[in-house]
Amino acid sequence: MNSPLPLGKLPPELLEHILKQAPQFDQRLFLGPGTGLDCAVLDFGDHYLVLKSDPVTFATEEIGWYLVQVNTNDIATTGALPKWLMLTALLPEGRTTPELVQALSDQVYRACRAHQISMIGGHTEITHGLDRPILIGTMIGEVAYQDLVTPRGAHAGDHILITKGVPVEGTAILAREFPLRLAEELNAEEIETASNFLHQPGISVLEEAQIAVRTGGVTAMHDPTEGGLETALWELAKASQISLEVNLNAVPIHPLSRRVCQVFGIDPLATIASGALLMTCAPSHAGQIQQAIQSKGIRCAEIGRVVDGPPKVWEIASGEVRKLLPYPSRDEIARVYEQVA
């Protein structure tokens, strides 16, 4: 009953139990904490403020740049424009040098300048017990009333789309953190390409999210992060309180990503997957959204439908045959880190 929890996200039942106890007093809170609800939304009278807090945990290389992207992604899934960042930097005792501090700052500032995000404050300290820097960001964005999108908006009949493919983020992390392990199966050029997945195809979804919102018809968006696409589908179903039917064979998986996952014996569909944007949209707009996104050189695939029913995810095996997709207990990449430890 009181045994230690495994590496990764809290079990969904425990998380839901904890979040239901969260105190909420301000009437301006439009959207608070919940499963699949990555951002808080505050009503400021003539617009919404959208807030997100996220750390960088698995990655160590380029973590300053990385931090800005993962926080920006969640803001983007609401249709909001990211504008302000607060940063908490916890730095390891005995390993932190002025050069390290400057390098991390340069990474954060470079990413902020690229998205025109203002750095407005935060906290830094050298912390006992760490073996690597830990960065936590709080991103704040703005969105007009009519443009707000939340994970609660999926409706029966909507089409389910995904951009780029999976797991972009997992591929980059594994190549950067465990190159020697990959060298047993991949050549140096392939490992370098996998490492660069951070930038190409890239873990940012800001561009395609803005394209989708401008095109119209988007009902919900979600950023598949820890737990990968399978967890993201379950979170979206729970947030919207509706069922999803998904053809997992239609999910784009880059051949190099598949090979990287095979080396570690992990499921690419349950591996941390920033870089993919999961969305639902009205049937009348699905083709337009796909065309608009693909016109910018970004892959966009249709992988399923939203259907009436309780919050569950069904895998379409063949035709009308379907089976319940298991809820991943945790991210596949966590098993890799445990093996190394």
C-alpha atoms as a PDB file:
ATOM      1  CA  MET A   1       0.000   0.000   0.000  1.00  0.00           C
ATOM      2  CA  ASN A   2       2.804   2.415   0.902  1.00  0.00           C
ATOM      3  CA  SER A   3       5.506   1.017  -1.388  1.00  0.00           C
ATOM      4  CA  PRO A   4       7.542   3.541  -3.398  1.00  0.00           C
ATOM      5  CA  LEU A   5       6.063   4.630  -6.716  1.00  0.00           C
ATOM      6  CA  PRO A   6       7.966   3.909  -9.953  1.00  0.00           C
ATOM      7  CA  LEU A   7       9.807   6.472 -12.037  1.00  0.00           C
ATOM      8  CA  GLY A   8       7.552   8.693 -14.169  1.00  0.00           C
ATOM      9  CA  LYS A   9       4.127  10.264 -13.860  1.00  0.00           C
ATOM     10  CA  LEU A  10       1.930   9.542 -10.866  1.00  0.00           C
ATOM     11  CA  PRO A  11      -0.546   6.690 -11.430  1.00  0.00           C
ATOM     12  CA  PRO A  12      -3.674   8.257 -12.996  1.00  0.00           C
ATOM     13  CA  GLU A  13      -5.997   7.156 -10.170  1.00  0.00           C
ATOM     14  CA  LEU A  14      -3.747   8.760  -7.536  1.00  0.00           C
ATOM     15  CA  LEU A  15      -3.326  11.922  -9.588  1.00  0.00           C
ATOM     16  CA  GLU A  16      -7.084  12.289 -10.066  1.00  0.00           C
ATOM     17  CA  HIS A  17      -7.633  11.779  -6.329  1.00  0.00           C
ATOM     18  CA  ILE A  18      -5.081  14.469  -5.444  1.00  0.00           C
ATOM     19  CA  LEU A  19      -6.334  16.981  -8.009  1.00  0.00           C
ATOM     20  CA  LYS A  20      -9.930  16.710  -6.765  1.00  0.00           C
ATOM     21  CA  GLN A  21      -8.717  18.045  -3.402  1.00  0.00           C
ATOM     22  CA  ALA A  22      -7.110  21.177  -4.860  1.00  0.00           C
ATOM     23  CA  PRO A  23      -8.552  24.400  -3.338  1.00  0.00           C
ATOM     24  CA  GLN A  24     -10.042  26.893  -5.790  1.00  0.00           C
ATOM     25  CA  PHE A  25     -11.401  30.248  -4.643  1.00  0.00           C
ATOM     26  CA  ASP A  26     -11.035  32.735  -7.508  1.00  0.00           C
ATOM     27  CA  GLN A  27     -14.084  33.020  -9.765  1.00  0.00           C
ATOM     28  CA  ARG A  28     -11.826  33.956 -12.688  1.00  0.00           C
ATOM     29  CA  LEU A  29     -10.574  30.365 -12.886  1.00  0.00           C
ATOM     30  CA  PHE A  30     -12.100  29.130 -16.148  1.00  0.00           C
ATOM     31  CA  LEU A  31     -10.136  25.862 -16.400  1.00  0.00           C
ATOM     32  CA  GLY A  32      -8.315  24.267 -13.481  1.00  0.00           C
ATOM     33  CA  PRO A  33      -6.386  21.034 -12.881  1.00  0.00           C
ATOM     34  CA  GLY A  34      -7.551  17.685 -14.208  1.00  0.00           C
ATOM     35  CA  THR A  35      -6.485  14.650 -16.203  1.00  0.00           C
ATOM     36  CA  GLY A  36      -5.454  15.739 -19.675  1.00  0.00           C
ATOM     37  CA  LEU A  37      -5.756  19.427 -18.754  1.00  0.00           C
ATOM     38  CA  ASP A  38      -2.190  20.635 -19.184  1.00  0.00           C
ATOM     39  CA  CYS A  39      -2.930  24.361 -18.873  1.00  0.00           C
ATOM     40  CA  ALA A  40      -4.820  26.562 -16.447  1.00  0.00           C
ATOM     41  CA  VAL A  41      -7.061  29.233 -17.966  1.00  0.00           C
ATOM     42  CA  LEU A  42      -7.985  32.485 -16.227  1.00  0.00           C
ATOM     43  CA  ASP A  43     -10.776  34.799 -17.419  1.00  0.00           C
ATOM     44  CA  PHE A  44      -9.479  38.379 -17.575  1.00  0.00           C
ATOM     45  CA  GLY A  45     -12.617  40.040 -18.844  1.00  0.00           C
ATOM     46  CA  ASP A  46     -11.780  40.632 -22.501  1.00  0.00           C
ATOM     47  CA  HIS A  47      -9.375  37.706 -23.014  1.00  0.00           C
ATOM     48  CA  TYR A  48      -8.003  34.587 -21.345  1.00  0.00           C
ATOM     49  CA  LEU A  49      -4.633  34.117 -19.692  1.00  0.00           C
ATOM     50  CA  VAL A  50      -3.253  30.588 -20.171  1.00  0.00           C
ATOM     51  CA  LEU A  51      -0.623  29.232 -17.778  1.00  0.00           C
ATOM     52  CA  LYS A  52       1.570  26.134 -17.892  1.00  0.00           C
ATOM     53  CA  SER A  53       4.342  24.772 -15.652  1.00  0.00           C
ATOM     54  CA  ASP A  54       6.633  21.980 -16.855  1.00  0.00           C
ATOM     55  CA  PRO A  55      10.100  20.674 -15.964  1.00  0.00           C
ATOM     56  CA  VAL A  56      12.756  18.992 -18.071  1.00  0.00           C
ATOM     57  CA  THR A  57      13.480  15.625 -16.478  1.00  0.00           C
ATOM     58  CA  PHE A  58      14.800  12.999 -18.907  1.00  0.00           C
ATOM     59  CA  ALA A  59      17.000  15.185 -21.128  1.00  0.00           C
ATOM     60  CA  THR A  60      20.299  16.811 -20.139  1.00  0.00           C
ATOM     61  CA  GLU A  61      21.605  18.259 -23.422  1.00  0.00           C
ATOM     62  CA  GLU A  62      20.262  21.656 -24.548  1.00  0.00           C
ATOM     63  CA  ILE A  63      17.850  21.617 -21.624  1.00  0.00           C
ATOM     64  CA  GLY A  64      17.428  25.400 -21.613  1.00  0.00           C
ATOM     65  CA  TRP A  65      16.259  25.427 -25.204  1.00  0.00           C
ATOM     66  CA  TYR A  66      14.264  22.254 -24.551  1.00  0.00           C
ATOM     67  CA  LEU A  67      12.448  23.793 -21.584  1.00  0.00           C
ATOM     68  CA  VAL A  68      11.071  26.663 -23.625  1.00  0.00           C
ATOM     69  CA  GLN A  69       9.770  24.319 -26.336  1.00  0.00           C
ATOM     70  CA  VAL A  70       7.875  21.922 -24.043  1.00  0.00           C
ATOM     71  CA  ASN A  71       6.189  24.757 -22.159  1.00  0.00           C
ATOM     72  CA  THR A  72       5.379  26.610 -25.376  1.00  0.00           C
ATOM     73  CA  ASN A  73       3.799  23.453 -26.804  1.00  0.00           C
ATOM     74  CA  ASP A  74       1.166  23.199 -24.089  1.00  0.00           C
ATOM     75  CA  ILE A  75       0.289  26.881 -24.410  1.00  0.00           C
ATOM     76  CA  ALA A  76      -0.033  26.377 -28.184  1.00  0.00           C
ATOM     77  CA  THR A  77      -2.578  23.560 -27.719  1.00  0.00           C
ATOM     78  CA  THR A  78      -5.047  26.095 -26.301  1.00  0.00           C
ATOM     79  CA  GLY A  79      -4.775  28.369 -29.326  1.00  0.00           C
ATOM     80  CA  ALA A  80      -2.941  30.919 -27.178  1.00  0.00           C
ATOM     81  CA  LEU A  81       0.209  32.845 -28.031  1.00  0.00           C
ATOM     82  CA  PRO A  82       3.050  32.235 -25.521  1.00  0.00           C
ATOM     83  CA  LYS A  83       4.328  35.549 -24.176  1.00  0.00           C
ATOM     84  CA  TRP A  84       6.022  35.300 -20.775  1.00  0.00           C
ATOM     85  CA  LEU A  85       8.334  32.795 -19.081  1.00  0.00           C
ATOM     86  CA  MET A  86       9.370  32.300 -15.470  1.00  0.00           C
ATOM     87  CA  LEU A  87      12.252  29.903 -14.818  1.00  0.00           C
ATOM     88  CA  THR A  88      13.345  27.923 -11.762  1.00  0.00           C
ATOM     89  CA  ALA A  89      16.865  26.509 -12.099  1.00  0.00           C
ATOM     90  CA  LEU A  90      18.075  23.944  -9.547  1.00  0.00           C
ATOM     91  CA  LEU A  91      21.788  23.372 -10.110  1.00  0.00           C
ATOM     92  CA  PRO A  92      23.978  20.522  -8.773  1.00  0.00           C
ATOM     93  CA  GLU A  93      26.282  21.102  -5.826  1.00  0.00           C
ATOM     94  CA  GLY A  94      29.973  20.697  -6.678  1.00  0.00           C
ATOM     95  CA  ARG A  95      29.356  20.689 -10.437  1.00  0.00           C
ATOM     96  CA  THR A  96      27.963  24.124 -11.183  1.00  0.00           C
ATOM     97  CA  THR A  97      30.368  26.610 -12.762  1.00  0.00           C
ATOM     98  CA  PRO A  98      29.791  30.150 -14.069  1.00  0.00           C
ATOM     99  CA  GLU A  99      30.234  28.690 -17.562  1.00  0.00           C
ATOM    100  CA  LEU A 100      27.395  26.202 -16.983  1.00  0.00           C
ATOM    101  CA  VAL A 101      25.076  28.929 -15.697  1.00  0.00           C
ATOM    102  CA  GLN A 102      25.860  31.116 -18.713  1.00  0.00           C
ATOM    103  CA  ALA A 103      25.346  28.215 -21.134  1.00  0.00           C
ATOM    104  CA  LEU A 104      21.926  27.339 -19.692  1.00  0.00           C
ATOM    105  CA  SER A 105      20.900  30.993 -19.740  1.00  0.00           C
ATOM    106  CA  ASP A 106      22.003  31.343 -23.369  1.00  0.00           C
ATOM    107  CA  GLN A 107      19.906  28.316 -24.346  1.00  0.00           C
ATOM    108  CA  VAL A 108      16.788  29.693 -22.644  1.00  0.00           C
ATOM    109  CA  TYR A 109      17.236  33.184 -24.046  1.00  0.00           C
ATOM    110  CA  ARG A 110      17.893  31.930 -27.586  1.00  0.00           C
ATOM    111  CA  ALA A 111      14.661  29.925 -27.551  1.00  0.00           C
ATOM    112  CA  CYS A 112      12.699  32.837 -26.059  1.00  0.00           C
ATOM    113  CA  ARG A 113      13.973  35.225 -28.732  1.00  0.00           C
ATOM    114  CA  ALA A 114      12.927  32.777 -31.474  1.00  0.00           C
ATOM    115  CA  HIS A 115       9.321  32.841 -30.209  1.00  0.00           C
ATOM    116  CA  GLN A 116       9.363  36.475 -28.963  1.00  0.00           C
ATOM    117  CA  ILE A 117       8.790  35.368 -25.385  1.00  0.00           C
ATOM    118  CA  SER A 118       9.740  37.717 -22.531  1.00  0.00           C
ATOM    119  CA  MET A 119      11.687  36.278 -19.591  1.00  0.00           C
ATOM    120  CA  ILE A 120      10.076  37.889 -16.539  1.00  0.00           C
ATOM    121  CA  GLY A 121      11.587  36.201 -13.469  1.00  0.00           C
ATOM    122  CA  GLY A 122      12.000  33.013 -11.501  1.00  0.00           C
ATOM    123  CA  HIS A 123      14.510  31.475  -9.096  1.00  0.00           C
ATOM    124  CA  THR A 124      18.009  29.982  -9.227  1.00  0.00           C
ATOM    125  CA  GLU A 125      19.968  28.027  -6.620  1.00  0.00           C
ATOM    126  CA  ILE A 126      22.674  25.409  -6.202  1.00  0.00           C
ATOM    127  CA  THR A 127      20.887  22.451  -4.651  1.00  0.00           C
ATOM    128  CA  HIS A 128      22.116  19.554  -2.530  1.00  0.00           C
ATOM    129  CA  GLY A 129      21.545  16.021  -3.817  1.00  0.00           C
ATOM    130  CA  LEU A 130      21.344  16.666  -7.552  1.00  0.00           C
ATOM    131  CA  ASP A 131      23.604  15.038 -10.124  1.00  0.00           C
ATOM    132  CA  ARG A 132      22.406  17.249 -13.018  1.00  0.00           C
ATOM    133  CA  PRO A 133      20.627  20.591 -13.559  1.00  0.00           C
ATOM    134  CA  ILE A 134      16.837  20.575 -13.205  1.00  0.00           C
ATOM    135  CA  LEU A 135      14.924  23.354 -14.952  1.00  0.00           C
ATOM    136  CA  ILE A 136      11.240  24.139 -14.366  1.00  0.00           C
ATOM    137  CA  GLY A 137       9.410  26.674 -16.474  1.00  0.00           C
ATOM    138  CA  THR A 138       6.128  28.512 -16.061  1.00  0.00           C
ATOM    139  CA  MET A 139       4.857  29.844 -19.372  1.00  0.00           C
ATOM    140  CA  ILE A 140       2.030  32.359 -19.698  1.00  0.00           C
ATOM    141  CA  GLY A 141       0.110  33.134 -22.861  1.00  0.00           C
ATOM    142  CA  GLU A 142      -2.920  35.079 -24.062  1.00  0.00           C
ATOM    143  CA  VAL A 143      -5.833  34.129 -26.254  1.00  0.00           C
ATOM    144  CA  ALA A 144      -9.037  35.831 -27.374  1.00  0.00           C
ATOM    145  CA  TYR A 145     -12.307  34.366 -26.135  1.00  0.00           C
ATOM    146  CA  GLN A 146     -13.321  33.019 -29.527  1.00  0.00           C
ATOM    147  CA  ASP A 147      -9.973  31.317 -30.153  1.00  0.00           C
ATOM    148  CA  LEU A 148      -9.628  29.272 -26.948  1.00  0.00           C
ATOM    149  CA  VAL A 149      -9.289  25.510 -27.468  1.00  0.00           C
ATOM    150  CA  THR A 150      -9.313  23.047 -24.556  1.00  0.00           C
ATOM    151  CA  PRO A 151      -8.956  19.242 -24.316  1.00  0.00           C
ATOM    152  CA  ARG A 152     -12.604  19.139 -23.205  1.00  0.00           C
ATOM    153  CA  GLY A 153     -13.939  20.075 -26.628  1.00  0.00           C
ATOM    154  CA  ALA A 154     -13.933  16.797 -28.575  1.00  0.00           C
ATOM    155  CA  HIS A 155     -17.358  15.769 -29.917  1.00  0.00           C
ATOM    156  CA  ALA A 156     -18.737  12.545 -31.363  1.00  0.00           C
ATOM    157  CA  GLY A 157     -18.076  12.510 -35.096  1.00  0.00           C
ATOM    158  CA  ASP A 158     -14.861  14.532 -34.899  1.00  0.00           C
ATOM    159  CA  HIS A 159     -11.836  13.282 -36.789  1.00  0.00           C
ATOM    160  CA  ILE A 160      -8.555  12.627 -34.925  1.00  0.00           C
ATOM    161  CA  LEU A 161      -5.367  13.989 -36.497  1.00  0.00           C
ATOM    162  CA  ILE A 162      -1.712  13.830 -35.530  1.00  0.00           C
ATOM    163  CA  THR A 163       1.232  15.796 -36.880  1.00  0.00           C
ATOM    164  CA  LYS A 164       4.819  14.704 -37.638  1.00  0.00           C
ATOM    165  CA  GLY A 165       4.674  11.263 -35.972  1.00  0.00           C
ATOM    166  CA  VAL A 166       6.017   9.575 -32.840  1.00  0.00           C
ATOM    167  CA  PRO A 167       8.170   9.491 -30.833  1.00  0.00           C
ATOM    168  CA  VAL A 168      10.167  12.516 -32.015  1.00  0.00           C
ATOM    169  CA  GLU A 169      11.202  13.524 -28.507  1.00  0.00           C
ATOM    170  CA  GLY A 170      11.969   9.987 -27.355  1.00  0.00           C
ATOM    171  CA  THR A 171      14.178   9.408 -30.393  1.00  0.00           C
ATOM    172  CA  ALA A 172      16.243  12.507 -29.662  1.00  0.00           C
ATOM    173  CA  ILE A 173      16.578  11.768 -25.935  1.00  0.00           C
ATOM    174  CA  LEU A 174      17.701   8.179 -26.429  1.00  0.00           C
ATOM    175  CA  ALA A 175      20.238   9.159 -29.090  1.00  0.00           C
ATOM    176  CA  ARG A 176      21.661  11.983 -26.974  1.00  0.00           C
ATOM    177  CA  GLU A 177      21.713  10.161 -23.631  1.00  0.00           C
ATOM    178  CA  PHE A 178      22.677   6.631 -24.729  1.00  0.00           C
ATOM    179  CA  PRO A 179      24.724   6.880 -27.961  1.00  0.00           C
ATOM    180  CA  LEU A 180      27.030   4.014 -27.005  1.00  0.00           C
ATOM    181  CA  ARG A 181      24.081   1.665 -26.614  1.00  0.00           C
ATOM    182  CA  LEU A 182      22.748   2.685 -30.023  1.00  0.00           C
ATOM    183  CA  ALA A 183      26.192   2.297 -31.604  1.00  0.00           C
ATOM    184  CA  GLU A 184      25.733  -1.475 -31.323  1.00  0.00           C
ATOM    185  CA  GLU A 185      22.992  -1.318 -33.991  1.00  0.00           C
ATOM    186  CA  LEU A 186      23.181   2.107 -35.702  1.00  0.00           C
ATOM    187  CA  ASN A 187      26.023   3.863 -37.499  1.00  0.00           C
ATOM    188  CA  ALA A 188      27.369   7.292 -36.483  1.00  0.00           C
ATOM    189  CA  GLU A 189      25.349   9.154 -39.116  1.00  0.00           C
ATOM    190  CA  GLU A 190      22.103   7.544 -37.999  1.00  0.00           C
ATOM    191  CA  ILE A 191      22.804   8.372 -34.345  1.00  0.00           C
ATOM    192  CA  GLU A 192      23.545  11.989 -35.309  1.00  0.00           C
ATOM    193  CA  THR A 193      20.308  12.186 -37.287  1.00  0.00           C
ATOM    194  CA  ALA A 194      18.345  10.737 -34.373  1.00  0.00           C
ATOM    195  CA  SER A 195      19.972  13.240 -31.994  1.00  0.00           C
ATOM    196  CA  ASN A 196      18.905  16.067 -34.286  1.00  0.00           C
ATOM    197  CA  PHE A 197      15.244  15.014 -34.105  1.00  0.00           C
ATOM    198  CA  LEU A 198      15.126  17.673 -31.383  1.00  0.00           C
ATOM    199  CA  HIS A 199      15.316  20.236 -34.210  1.00  0.00           C
ATOM    200  CA  GLN A 200      14.361  18.273 -37.345  1.00  0.00           C
ATOM    201  CA  PRO A 201      11.507  17.360 -37.490  1.00  0.00           C
ATOM    202  CA  GLY A 202      11.623  19.192 -34.119  1.00  0.00           C
ATOM    203  CA  ILE A 203       9.747  18.995 -30.838  1.00  0.00           C
ATOM    204  CA  SER A 204       7.900  22.308 -31.205  1.00  0.00           C
ATOM    205  CA  VAL A 205       4.228  22.158 -32.273  1.00  0.00           C
ATOM    206  CA  LEU A 206       3.592  25.912 -32.164  1.00  0.00           C
ATOM    207  CA  GLU A 207       3.497  26.343 -35.939  1.00  0.00           C
ATOM    208  CA  GLU A 208       1.031  23.563 -36.713  1.00  0.00           C
ATOM    209  CA  ALA A 209      -1.190  24.492 -33.750  1.00  0.00           C
ATOM    210  CA  GLN A 210      -1.479  28.061 -35.021  1.00  0.00           C
ATOM    211  CA  ILE A 211      -2.150  26.835 -38.563  1.00  0.00           C
ATOM    212  CA  ALA A 212      -4.913  24.528 -37.323  1.00  0.00           C
ATOM    213  CA  VAL A 213      -6.593  27.252 -35.263  1.00  0.00           C
ATOM    214  CA  ARG A 214      -6.457  29.718 -38.156  1.00  0.00           C
ATOM    215  CA  THR A 215      -7.961  27.135 -40.513  1.00  0.00           C
ATOM    216  CA  GLY A 216     -10.875  26.565 -38.134  1.00  0.00           C
ATOM    217  CA  GLY A 217     -12.863  23.588 -36.950  1.00  0.00           C
ATOM    218  CA  VAL A 218     -10.442  22.457 -34.224  1.00  0.00           C
ATOM    219  CA  THR A 219     -12.329  21.137 -31.194  1.00  0.00           C
ATOM    220  CA  ALA A 220      -9.479  19.898 -28.958  1.00  0.00           C
ATOM    221  CA  MET A 221      -5.677  19.709 -28.988  1.00  0.00           C
ATOM    222  CA  HIS A 222      -3.226  17.817 -26.809  1.00  0.00           C
ATOM    223  CA  ASP A 223       0.563  17.505 -26.626  1.00  0.00           C
ATOM    224  CA  PRO A 224       1.688  13.866 -26.270  1.00  0.00           C
ATOM    225  CA  THR A 225       4.519  14.095 -23.760  1.00  0.00           C
ATOM    226  CA  GLU A 226       5.363  11.584 -21.023  1.00  0.00           C
ATOM    227  CA  GLY A 227       3.564   8.303 -21.678  1.00  0.00           C
ATOM    228  CA  GLY A 228       3.554   8.959 -25.395  1.00  0.00           C
ATOM    229  CA  LEU A 229       0.643   8.900 -27.806  1.00  0.00           C
ATOM    230  CA  GLU A 230      -1.247   6.133 -26.021  1.00  0.00           C
ATOM    231  CA  THR A 231      -1.325   8.098 -22.758  1.00  0.00           C
ATOM    232  CA  ALA A 232      -2.242  11.289 -24.641  1.00  0.00           C
ATOM    233  CA  LEU A 233      -5.221   9.546 -26.253  1.00  0.00           C
ATOM    234  CA  TRP A 234      -6.476   8.386 -22.853  1.00  0.00           C
ATOM    235  CA  GLU A 235      -5.977  11.849 -21.376  1.00  0.00           C
ATOM    236  CA  LEU A 236      -7.909  13.421 -24.235  1.00  0.00           C
ATOM    237  CA  ALA A 237     -10.737  10.911 -23.833  1.00  0.00           C
ATOM    238  CA  LYS A 238     -10.941  11.599 -20.095  1.00  0.00           C
ATOM    239  CA  ALA A 239     -10.779  15.366 -20.530  1.00  0.00           C
ATOM    240  CA  SER A 240     -13.630  15.344 -23.068  1.00  0.00           C
ATOM    241  CA  GLN A 241     -15.509  12.497 -21.343  1.00  0.00           C
ATOM    242  CA  ILE A 242     -15.983  10.627 -24.603  1.00  0.00           C
ATOM    243  CA  SER A 243     -14.646   7.578 -26.476  1.00  0.00           C
ATOM    244  CA  LEU A 244     -11.963   7.521 -29.155  1.00  0.00           C
ATOM    245  CA  GLU A 245     -11.527   4.932 -31.895  1.00  0.00           C
ATOM    246  CA  VAL A 246      -7.978   4.827 -33.231  1.00  0.00           C
ATOM    247  CA  ASN A 247      -6.190   2.951 -35.999  1.00  0.00           C
ATOM    248  CA  LEU A 248      -2.685   2.644 -34.549  1.00  0.00           C
ATOM    249  CA  ASN A 249      -1.398   1.376 -37.894  1.00  0.00           C
ATOM    250  CA  ALA A 250      -2.136   4.825 -39.318  1.00  0.00           C
ATOM    251  CA  VAL A 251       0.138   6.568 -36.783  1.00  0.00           C
ATOM    252  CA  PRO A 252       3.306   7.802 -38.522  1.00  0.00           C
ATOM    253  CA  ILE A 253       6.440   6.289 -36.970  1.00  0.00           C
ATOM    254  CA  HIS A 254       9.705   7.358 -38.578  1.00  0.00           C
ATOM    255  CA  PRO A 255      11.769   4.304 -39.576  1.00  0.00           C
ATOM    256  CA  LEU A 256      14.739   5.601 -37.585  1.00  0.00           C
ATOM    257  CA  SER A 257      12.524   6.115 -34.512  1.00  0.00           C
ATOM    258  CA  ARG A 258      11.274   2.549 -34.855  1.00  0.00           C
ATOM    259  CA  ARG A 259      14.832   1.241 -35.004  1.00  0.00           C
ATOM    260  CA  VAL A 260      15.920   3.298 -31.987  1.00  0.00           C
ATOM    261  CA  CYS A 261      12.993   1.951 -29.968  1.00  0.00           C
ATOM    262  CA  GLN A 262      13.764  -1.606 -31.086  1.00  0.00           C
ATOM    263  CA  VAL A 263      17.332  -1.301 -29.739  1.00  0.00           C
ATOM    264  CA  PHE A 264      15.918  -0.554 -26.284  1.00  0.00           C
ATOM    265  CA  GLY A 265      12.970  -2.922 -26.578  1.00  0.00           C
ATOM    266  CA  ILE A 266      10.362  -0.205 -26.019  1.00  0.00           C
ATOM    267  CA  ASP A 267       6.999   0.654 -27.593  1.00  0.00           C
ATOM    268  CA  PRO A 268       7.213   3.818 -29.751  1.00  0.00           C
ATOM    269  CA  LEU A 269       3.518   4.524 -29.121  1.00  0.00           C
ATOM    270  CA  ALA A 270       4.066   4.772 -25.344  1.00  0.00           C
ATOM    271  CA  THR A 271       7.320   6.732 -25.455  1.00  0.00           C
ATOM    272  CA  ILE A 272       7.612  10.454 -24.673  1.00  0.00           C
ATOM    273  CA  ALA A 273       6.492  12.192 -27.860  1.00  0.00           C
ATOM    274  CA  SER A 274       6.729  15.992 -27.879  1.00  0.00           C
ATOM    275  CA  GLY A 275       6.822  17.117 -31.489  1.00  0.00           C
ATOM    276  CA  ALA A 276       3.522  15.473 -32.348  1.00  0.00           C
ATOM    277  CA  LEU A 277       0.316  17.480 -32.061  1.00  0.00           C
ATOM    278  CA  LEU A 278      -2.806  15.427 -31.346  1.00  0.00           C
ATOM    279  CA  MET A 279      -6.052  17.135 -32.282  1.00  0.00           C
ATOM    280  CA  THR A 280      -9.718  16.558 -32.958  1.00  0.00           C
ATOM    281  CA  CYS A 281     -11.660  18.563 -35.498  1.00  0.00           C
ATOM    282  CA  ALA A 282     -15.026  18.826 -37.182  1.00  0.00           C
ATOM    283  CA  PRO A 283     -15.392  16.435 -40.157  1.00  0.00           C
ATOM    284  CA  SER A 284     -15.976  19.387 -42.493  1.00  0.00           C
ATOM    285  CA  HIS A 285     -12.552  20.844 -41.638  1.00  0.00           C
ATOM    286  CA  ALA A 286     -10.351  17.740 -41.354  1.00  0.00           C
ATOM    287  CA  GLY A 287      -9.136  17.809 -44.950  1.00  0.00           C
ATOM    288  CA  GLN A 288      -8.545  21.563 -44.882  1.00  0.00           C
ATOM    289  CA  ILE A 289      -6.471  21.332 -41.702  1.00  0.00           C
ATOM    290  CA  GLN A 290      -4.386  18.482 -43.085  1.00  0.00           C
ATOM    291  CA  GLN A 291      -3.783  20.348 -46.332  1.00  0.00           C
ATOM    292  CA  ALA A 292      -2.865  23.596 -44.573  1.00  0.00           C
ATOM    293  CA  ILE A 293      -0.371  21.892 -42.259  1.00  0.00           C
ATOM    294  CA  GLN A 294       1.153  19.742 -44.988  1.00  0.00           C
ATOM    295  CA  SER A 295       1.591  22.810 -47.207  1.00  0.00           C
ATOM    296  CA  LYS A 296       4.207  23.936 -44.676  1.00  0.00           C
ATOM    297  CA  GLY A 297       6.116  20.675 -45.006  1.00  0.00           C
ATOM    298  CA  ILE A 298       4.700  19.175 -41.781  1.00  0.00           C
ATOM    299  CA  ARG A 299       3.207  15.705 -41.968  1.00  0.00           C
ATOM    300  CA  CYS A 300      -0.391  15.370 -40.764  1.00  0.00           C
ATOM    301  CA  ALA A 301      -2.232  12.044 -40.634  1.00  0.00           C
ATOM    302  CA  GLU A 302      -5.772  11.044 -39.753  1.00  0.00           C
ATOM    303  CA  ILE A 303      -5.760   8.223 -37.202  1.00  0.00           C
ATOM    304  CA  GLY A 304      -9.332   7.830 -35.952  1.00  0.00           C
ATOM    305  CA  ARG A 305     -12.694   9.183 -34.872  1.00  0.00           C
ATOM    306  CA  VAL A 306     -14.397  10.448 -31.742  1.00  0.00           C
ATOM    307  CA  VAL A 307     -17.463   8.338 -30.916  1.00  0.00           C
ATOM    308  CA  ASP A 308     -20.237   8.332 -28.336  1.00  0.00           C
ATOM    309  CA  GLY A 309     -19.447   6.452 -25.152  1.00  0.00           C
ATOM    310  CA  PRO A 310     -17.637   6.705 -21.814  1.00  0.00           C
ATOM    311  CA  PRO A 311     -14.027   7.977 -21.719  1.00  0.00           C
ATOM    312  CA  LYS A 312     -12.169   5.058 -23.272  1.00  0.00           C
ATOM    313  CA  VAL A 313      -9.729   4.505 -26.127  1.00  0.00           C
ATOM    314  CA  TRP A 314     -10.542   1.713 -28.584  1.00  0.00           C
ATOM    315  CA  GLU A 315      -8.068   0.308 -31.061  1.00  0.00           C
ATOM    316  CA  ILE A 316      -9.589  -0.565 -34.412  1.00  0.00           C
ATOM    317  CA  ALA A 317      -7.924  -3.872 -35.221  1.00  0.00           C
ATOM    318  CA  SER A 318      -9.597  -4.605 -38.565  1.00  0.00           C
ATOM    319  CA  GLY A 319     -12.722  -3.026 -39.952  1.00  0.00           C
ATOM    320  CA  GLU A 320     -15.348  -2.857 -37.226  1.00  0.00           C
ATOM    321  CA  VAL A 321     -13.437  -5.096 -34.807  1.00  0.00           C
ATOM    322  CA  ARG A 322     -12.148  -3.102 -31.862  1.00  0.00           C
ATOM    323  CA  LYS A 323     -10.377  -3.766 -28.573  1.00  0.00           C
ATOM    324  CA  LEU A 324      -9.696  -1.599 -25.558  1.00  0.00           C
ATOM    325  CA  LEU A 325      -6.288   0.073 -25.688  1.00  0.00           C
ATOM    326  CA  PRO A 326      -4.526  -0.419 -22.328  1.00  0.00           C
ATOM    327  CA  TYR A 327      -3.650   2.721 -20.383  1.00  0.00           C
ATOM    328  CA  PRO A 328       0.186   2.786 -20.210  1.00  0.00           C
ATOM    329  CA  SER A 329       1.346   2.471 -16.610  1.00  0.00           C
ATOM    330  CA  ARG A 330       4.229   4.840 -17.318  1.00  0.00           C
ATOM    331  CA  ASP A 331       6.484   6.105 -20.077  1.00  0.00           C
ATOM    332  CA  GLU A 332       8.545   3.430 -21.817  1.00  0.00           C
ATOM    333  CA  ILE A 333      11.669   5.562 -21.565  1.00  0.00           C
ATOM    334  CA  ALA A 334      11.511   5.364 -17.775  1.00  0.00           C
ATOM    335  CA  ARG A 335      12.347   1.662 -18.045  1.00  0.00           C
ATOM    336  CA  VAL A 336      15.501   2.544 -19.961  1.00  0.00           C
ATOM    337  CA  TYR A 337      16.656   4.891 -17.200  1.00  0.00           C
ATOM    338  CA  GLU A 338      15.914   2.260 -14.559  1.00  0.00           C
ATOM    339  CA  GLN A 339      17.995  -0.285 -16.444  1.00  0.00           C
ATOM    340  CA  VAL A 340      20.917   2.152 -16.570  1.00  0.00           C
ATOM    341  CA  ALA A 341      20.547   2.939 -12.866  1.00  0.00           C
END
